[in-house]
Protein backbone atom coordinates (compact mmCIF):
# COMPACT_ATOMS: atom_id res chain seq x y z
CA UNK A 1 -45.27 -103.90 40.91
CA UNK A 2 -46.86 -103.21 44.37
CA UNK A 3 -47.43 -99.63 45.60
CA UNK A 4 -48.05 -98.94 49.29
CA UNK A 5 -50.06 -95.84 50.27
CA UNK A 6 -49.96 -94.57 53.89
CA UNK A 7 -52.90 -92.60 55.21
CA UNK A 8 -52.15 -89.54 57.34
CA UNK A 9 -53.17 -89.74 61.00
CA UNK A 10 -53.88 -93.35 60.93
CA UNK A 11 -51.73 -96.32 61.29
CA UNK A 12 -53.19 -97.75 58.26
CA UNK A 13 -51.89 -98.33 54.84
CA UNK A 14 -53.19 -99.76 51.63
CA UNK A 15 -51.47 -101.23 48.69
CA UNK A 16 -52.28 -102.02 45.10
CA UNK A 17 -50.43 -103.62 42.31
CA UNK A 18 -49.58 -102.01 38.96
CA UNK A 19 -48.99 -103.82 35.83
CA UNK A 20 -45.36 -103.41 34.70
CA UNK A 21 -46.33 -101.91 31.37
CA UNK A 22 -48.73 -99.47 32.97
CA UNK A 23 -46.09 -98.33 35.42
CA UNK A 24 -43.59 -97.72 32.65
CA UNK A 25 -46.21 -95.74 30.70
CA UNK A 26 -47.05 -93.57 33.70
CA UNK A 27 -43.39 -92.98 34.48
CA UNK A 28 -42.64 -92.12 30.89
CA UNK A 29 -45.59 -89.73 30.80
CA UNK A 30 -44.37 -88.02 33.93
CA UNK A 31 -40.85 -87.64 32.47
CA UNK A 32 -42.24 -86.24 29.22
CA UNK A 33 -44.47 -83.81 31.07
CA UNK A 34 -41.60 -82.70 33.28
CA UNK A 35 -39.42 -82.24 30.22
CA UNK A 36 -42.17 -80.21 28.57
CA UNK A 37 -42.48 -77.96 31.60
CA UNK A 38 -38.73 -77.49 31.74
CA UNK A 39 -38.49 -76.76 28.05
CA UNK A 40 -41.39 -74.33 28.20
CA UNK A 41 -39.89 -72.54 31.16
CA UNK A 42 -36.52 -72.39 29.44
CA UNK A 43 -38.10 -71.11 26.21
CA UNK A 44 -40.14 -68.40 27.88
CA UNK A 45 -37.21 -67.35 30.01
CA UNK A 46 -34.91 -67.22 26.99
CA UNK A 47 -37.53 -65.44 24.90
CA UNK A 48 -38.11 -62.89 27.63
CA UNK A 49 -34.38 -62.40 28.14
CA UNK A 50 -33.71 -62.16 24.38
CA UNK A 51 -36.57 -59.73 23.85
CA UNK A 52 -35.32 -57.61 26.73
CA UNK A 53 -31.79 -57.59 25.32
CA UNK A 54 -33.15 -56.77 21.88
CA UNK A 55 -35.14 -53.89 23.31
CA UNK A 56 -32.06 -52.61 25.10
CA UNK A 57 -30.03 -52.82 21.88
CA UNK A 58 -32.74 -51.00 19.99
CA UNK A 59 -32.95 -48.35 22.68
CA UNK A 60 -29.16 -47.93 22.55
CA UNK A 61 -29.29 -47.70 18.75
CA UNK A 62 -32.02 -45.10 18.92
CA UNK A 63 -30.12 -43.13 21.52
CA UNK A 64 -26.97 -43.35 19.39
CA UNK A 65 -28.86 -42.21 16.30
CA UNK A 66 -30.40 -39.35 18.23
CA UNK A 67 -26.96 -38.31 19.46
CA UNK A 68 -25.50 -38.54 15.95
CA UNK A 69 -28.39 -36.50 14.57
CA UNK A 70 -27.79 -33.92 17.27
CA UNK A 71 -24.09 -33.77 16.35
CA UNK A 72 -24.95 -33.45 12.66
CA UNK A 73 -27.41 -30.67 13.42
CA UNK A 74 -24.87 -28.82 15.53
CA UNK A 75 -22.14 -29.34 12.93
CA UNK A 76 -24.38 -28.22 10.08
CA UNK A 77 -25.60 -25.28 12.11
CA UNK A 78 -22.00 -24.24 12.69
CA UNK A 79 -21.27 -24.73 8.99
CA UNK A 80 -24.28 -22.67 8.00
CA UNK A 81 -23.26 -19.89 10.36
CA UNK A 82 -19.75 -20.04 8.87
CA UNK A 83 -21.09 -19.94 5.32
CA UNK A 84 -23.50 -17.15 6.22
CA UNK A 85 -20.58 -15.06 7.45
CA UNK A 86 -18.57 -16.09 4.41
CA UNK A 87 -21.36 -15.11 2.06
CA UNK A 88 -21.85 -11.81 3.84
CA UNK A 89 -18.15 -11.15 3.38
CA UNK A 90 -18.28 -12.19 -0.28
CA UNK A 91 -21.30 -9.97 -0.93
CA UNK A 92 -19.58 -7.06 0.77
CA UNK A 93 -16.43 -7.76 -1.23
CA UNK A 94 -18.40 -7.80 -4.48
CA UNK A 95 -20.06 -4.50 -3.63
CA UNK A 96 -16.65 -3.01 -2.83
CA UNK A 97 -15.23 -4.37 -6.08
CA UNK A 98 -18.19 -2.93 -7.99
CA UNK A 99 -17.68 0.49 -6.43
CA UNK A 100 -13.90 0.39 -6.90
CA UNK A 101 -14.27 -0.92 -10.44
CA UNK A 102 -16.66 1.86 -11.39
CA UNK A 103 -14.33 4.49 -9.97
CA UNK A 104 -11.28 3.03 -11.70
CA UNK A 105 -13.11 2.58 -15.02
CA UNK A 106 -14.24 6.20 -14.82
CA UNK A 107 -10.69 7.34 -14.09
CA UNK A 108 -9.38 5.16 -16.91
CA UNK A 109 -12.16 6.51 -19.18
CA UNK A 110 -13.03 3.04 -20.40
CA UNK A 111 -15.72 2.55 -23.00
CA UNK A 112 -18.85 1.68 -21.02
CA UNK A 113 -20.21 -0.34 -23.94
CA UNK A 114 -17.27 -2.71 -23.70
CA UNK A 115 -16.64 -2.58 -19.97
CA UNK A 116 -18.99 -1.82 -17.11
CA UNK A 117 -19.35 -2.64 -13.43
CA UNK A 118 -22.81 -1.14 -13.15
CA UNK A 119 -24.74 -4.28 -14.04
CA UNK A 120 -23.39 -7.09 -11.87
CA UNK A 121 -25.07 -10.44 -11.64
CA UNK A 122 -27.79 -10.75 -9.04
CA UNK A 123 -25.97 -12.40 -6.17
CA UNK A 124 -27.87 -11.10 -3.17
CA UNK A 125 -26.89 -8.82 -0.37
CA UNK A 126 -25.82 -9.26 3.20
CA UNK A 127 -29.03 -10.86 4.48
CA UNK A 128 -28.56 -14.10 6.39
CA UNK A 129 -29.42 -17.23 4.44
CA UNK A 130 -31.79 -19.52 6.31
CA UNK A 131 -30.62 -23.06 5.59
CA UNK A 132 -31.20 -25.59 8.31
CA UNK A 133 -29.14 -28.71 8.15
CA UNK A 134 -28.31 -29.76 4.64
CA UNK A 135 -27.11 -28.48 1.33
CA UNK A 136 -29.54 -28.43 -1.52
CA UNK A 137 -28.96 -27.88 -5.22
CA UNK A 138 -30.18 -24.29 -5.07
CA UNK A 139 -27.69 -23.38 -2.35
CA UNK A 140 -24.85 -25.10 -4.18
CA UNK A 141 -25.83 -23.25 -7.36
CA UNK A 142 -25.89 -20.01 -5.39
CA UNK A 143 -22.34 -20.61 -4.11
CA UNK A 144 -21.17 -21.43 -7.62
CA UNK A 145 -22.67 -18.20 -8.93
CA UNK A 146 -21.00 -16.25 -6.14
CA UNK A 147 -17.64 -17.86 -6.91
CA UNK A 148 -18.03 -17.28 -10.65
CA UNK A 149 -19.02 -13.68 -10.07
CA UNK A 150 -15.98 -13.10 -7.87
CA UNK A 151 -13.76 -14.67 -10.53
CA UNK A 152 -15.32 -12.37 -13.12
CA UNK A 153 -14.72 -9.34 -10.90
CA UNK A 154 -11.14 -10.45 -10.31
CA UNK A 155 -10.57 -10.79 -14.06
CA UNK A 156 -12.15 -7.39 -14.65
CA UNK A 157 -9.98 -5.73 -12.04
CA UNK A 158 -6.88 -7.45 -13.36
CA UNK A 159 -7.78 -6.11 -16.77
CA UNK A 160 -8.25 -2.62 -15.35
CA UNK A 161 -5.00 -2.86 -13.39
CA UNK A 162 -3.24 -3.75 -16.62
CA UNK A 163 -4.79 -0.71 -18.27
CA UNK A 164 -3.83 1.48 -15.32
CA UNK A 165 -0.27 0.16 -15.39
CA UNK A 166 -0.11 0.89 -19.10
CA UNK A 167 -1.52 4.34 -18.44
CA UNK A 168 0.98 4.92 -15.65
CA UNK A 169 3.79 3.75 -17.92
CA UNK A 170 2.48 5.97 -20.69
CA UNK A 171 2.19 8.84 -18.22
CA UNK A 172 5.76 8.26 -17.08
CA UNK A 173 7.30 8.09 -20.55
CA UNK A 174 4.99 10.41 -22.46
CA UNK A 175 6.12 14.08 -22.29
CA UNK A 176 3.67 16.16 -20.29
CA UNK A 177 3.59 18.65 -17.44
CA UNK A 178 5.81 21.67 -16.88
CA UNK A 179 9.60 21.99 -17.07
CA UNK A 180 9.32 24.63 -14.36
CA UNK A 181 6.58 25.08 -11.79
CA UNK A 182 7.42 28.76 -11.55
CA UNK A 183 7.66 31.44 -14.22
CA UNK A 184 5.89 32.68 -17.33
CA UNK A 185 5.92 32.12 -21.07
CA UNK A 186 8.41 34.62 -22.48
CA UNK A 187 8.59 33.34 -26.08
CA UNK A 188 6.28 30.95 -27.92
CA UNK A 189 6.85 28.32 -30.58
CA UNK A 190 6.98 29.53 -34.18
CA UNK A 191 8.15 32.53 -36.21
CA UNK A 192 9.75 35.41 -34.28
CA UNK A 193 12.52 37.97 -34.41
CA UNK A 194 15.69 36.48 -33.02
CA UNK A 195 16.71 38.36 -29.84
CA UNK A 196 20.39 38.27 -30.77
CA UNK A 197 20.49 38.50 -34.57
CA UNK A 198 17.40 40.71 -34.90
CA UNK A 199 16.13 38.86 -37.91
CA UNK A 200 13.15 36.63 -38.62
CA UNK A 201 13.76 33.19 -37.24
CA UNK A 202 11.70 30.07 -36.50
CA UNK A 203 11.72 29.40 -32.78
CA UNK A 204 11.75 25.60 -32.40
CA UNK A 205 10.72 25.58 -28.75
CA UNK A 206 9.13 27.64 -25.99
CA UNK A 207 10.86 29.82 -23.40
CA UNK A 208 9.73 29.88 -19.76
CA UNK A 209 11.37 32.61 -17.71
CA UNK A 210 11.92 32.90 -13.98
CA UNK A 211 14.72 33.48 -11.50
CA UNK A 212 18.20 32.01 -11.78
CA UNK A 213 18.54 28.64 -10.07
CA UNK A 214 14.83 27.80 -10.46
CA UNK A 215 14.33 24.03 -10.68
CA UNK A 216 14.03 22.54 -14.16
CA UNK A 217 12.22 19.19 -14.35
CA UNK A 218 12.02 16.44 -16.93
CA UNK A 219 8.72 16.15 -18.79
CA UNK A 220 8.99 12.34 -18.92
CA UNK A 221 11.06 9.38 -17.84
CA UNK A 222 13.97 8.50 -20.06
CA UNK A 223 17.74 8.41 -20.52
CA UNK A 224 20.07 11.39 -20.70
CA UNK A 225 21.68 11.36 -24.15
CA UNK A 226 23.50 14.68 -23.79
CA UNK A 227 24.54 16.90 -20.89
CA UNK A 228 26.97 19.72 -21.54
CA UNK A 229 27.56 22.92 -23.49
CA UNK A 230 26.29 23.37 -27.02
CA UNK A 231 26.54 26.38 -29.32
CA UNK A 232 23.59 28.70 -28.91
CA UNK A 233 21.99 26.49 -26.26
CA UNK A 234 24.55 27.08 -23.53
CA UNK A 235 24.23 24.36 -20.90
CA UNK A 236 21.92 21.77 -22.45
CA UNK A 237 20.29 18.56 -21.20
CA UNK A 238 18.81 16.20 -23.79
CA UNK A 239 16.67 13.23 -22.73
CA UNK A 240 15.49 10.39 -24.94
CA UNK A 241 12.05 8.88 -24.18
CA UNK A 242 9.99 6.01 -25.58
CA UNK A 243 8.26 6.10 -28.95
CA UNK A 244 10.85 8.37 -30.55
CA UNK A 245 10.33 11.37 -28.25
CA UNK A 246 13.25 13.61 -27.24
CA UNK A 247 13.13 16.68 -24.98
CA UNK A 248 15.78 19.40 -24.68
CA UNK A 249 16.30 21.88 -21.84
CA UNK A 250 18.67 24.75 -22.68
CA UNK A 251 20.38 27.88 -21.26
CA UNK A 252 20.73 26.19 -17.85
CA UNK A 253 22.83 27.80 -15.16
CA UNK A 254 24.07 24.29 -14.34
CA UNK A 255 23.18 20.73 -15.23
CA UNK A 256 22.49 18.20 -12.48
CA UNK A 257 22.60 15.03 -14.59
CA UNK A 258 25.10 13.38 -16.91
CA UNK A 259 24.91 11.32 -20.06
CA UNK A 260 23.60 7.80 -19.44
CA UNK A 261 21.58 8.71 -16.34
CA UNK A 262 18.08 7.24 -16.12
CA UNK A 263 15.57 9.95 -15.31
CA UNK A 264 12.12 9.83 -13.72
CA UNK A 265 9.25 12.01 -14.78
CA UNK A 266 9.35 15.29 -12.86
CA UNK A 267 12.92 14.78 -11.68
CA UNK A 268 15.00 17.95 -11.25
CA UNK A 269 17.67 17.82 -13.97
CA UNK A 270 19.07 21.37 -14.03
CA UNK A 271 18.91 24.89 -12.62
CA UNK A 272 17.55 27.77 -14.66
CA UNK A 273 20.09 30.23 -16.04
CA UNK A 274 21.03 32.41 -18.99
CA UNK A 275 23.91 30.62 -20.73
CA UNK A 276 24.33 30.59 -24.52
CA UNK A 277 22.27 32.95 -26.70
CA UNK A 278 20.06 34.29 -23.94
CA UNK A 279 18.90 37.68 -22.71
CA UNK A 280 17.88 36.52 -19.23
CA UNK A 281 17.25 33.49 -17.02
CA UNK A 282 14.82 31.07 -18.63
CA UNK A 283 14.54 27.47 -19.85
CA UNK A 284 14.28 26.87 -23.58
CA UNK A 285 12.24 23.68 -24.10
CA UNK A 286 12.19 21.68 -27.32
CA UNK A 287 10.22 18.49 -28.08
CA UNK A 288 11.17 16.20 -30.96
CA UNK A 289 9.35 13.21 -32.40
CA UNK A 290 11.44 10.91 -34.60
CA UNK A 291 14.07 13.68 -34.89
CA UNK A 292 11.55 16.31 -36.03
CA UNK A 293 10.62 19.33 -33.93
CA UNK A 294 7.00 19.59 -32.83
CA UNK A 295 5.12 22.22 -30.88
CA UNK A 296 5.76 21.74 -27.11
CA UNK A 297 2.43 23.39 -26.35
CA UNK A 298 0.74 20.08 -27.22
CA UNK A 299 2.44 18.50 -24.21
CA UNK A 300 3.02 21.04 -21.47
CA UNK A 301 -0.31 22.89 -21.18
CA UNK A 302 1.38 25.51 -19.07
CA UNK A 303 -1.13 28.35 -19.24
CA UNK A 304 -2.60 29.40 -15.89
CA UNK A 305 -0.54 26.71 -14.11
CA UNK A 306 2.56 28.62 -13.14
CA UNK A 307 3.33 29.71 -9.60
CA UNK A 308 5.24 32.94 -9.13
CA UNK A 309 6.24 32.04 -5.61
CA UNK A 310 9.95 32.08 -4.83
């Protein structure tokens, strides 16, 4: 193969011949070198582009993680503030329950050996709890103790409420108080000279005297088993209570209830009078337990409690 070379600026040229195999070798070398350059350029370009994209992805991931961490921090901060307020409320509630429980237990006269609010579990006060962004076992244990303590207080108060309800029921159905808020004791329970027959006689009740038409009240809740006239008693109201108790109110000017009526404690059932064997307006009160007369003084505790106001 002949190659012609032209020289610049001169009208001259030179030529030389290449062996066919040498020419092919040179051409092949040039192609290989060109391919190498192209491949290298492509590789470095791709590597640079891929590395850049990888960096961008990593940067985006980091930014996303930072944003998620920020959200978690804000969410946990809000949760902690919520729980702080919740715990403050719970602590306050426990203190209130302790105070209320002590007052109620004192009123109920409970045995302090068996029941006491004065030694509650140590559950902290109203100070803010500094917890940053995550729950730990100690905090979870603290919440559990708070919840258990509240449950205990709730059970205690339910127990006390049951006792109070029983006491209120007992108070309602157990004879106590005064049949008349006004008046004075004119004749006591026991042996006396009968005002009519002028002979020794056992007085089975107590007499409380005041003006005609003074209110007469029931000593306990119950059912009226008799309302009407009865020899010696005049106008009589008889009320049956729980546990075998019966109260009788006699010599009434008029009765305000009838047989079968359900009566509340302290309800006005009659007006004071002087019917039957009586020398003046008063209420004759009898208390029976299982059909046997007992001293009403055990129930009414009237001394120094009367009002003489009209």
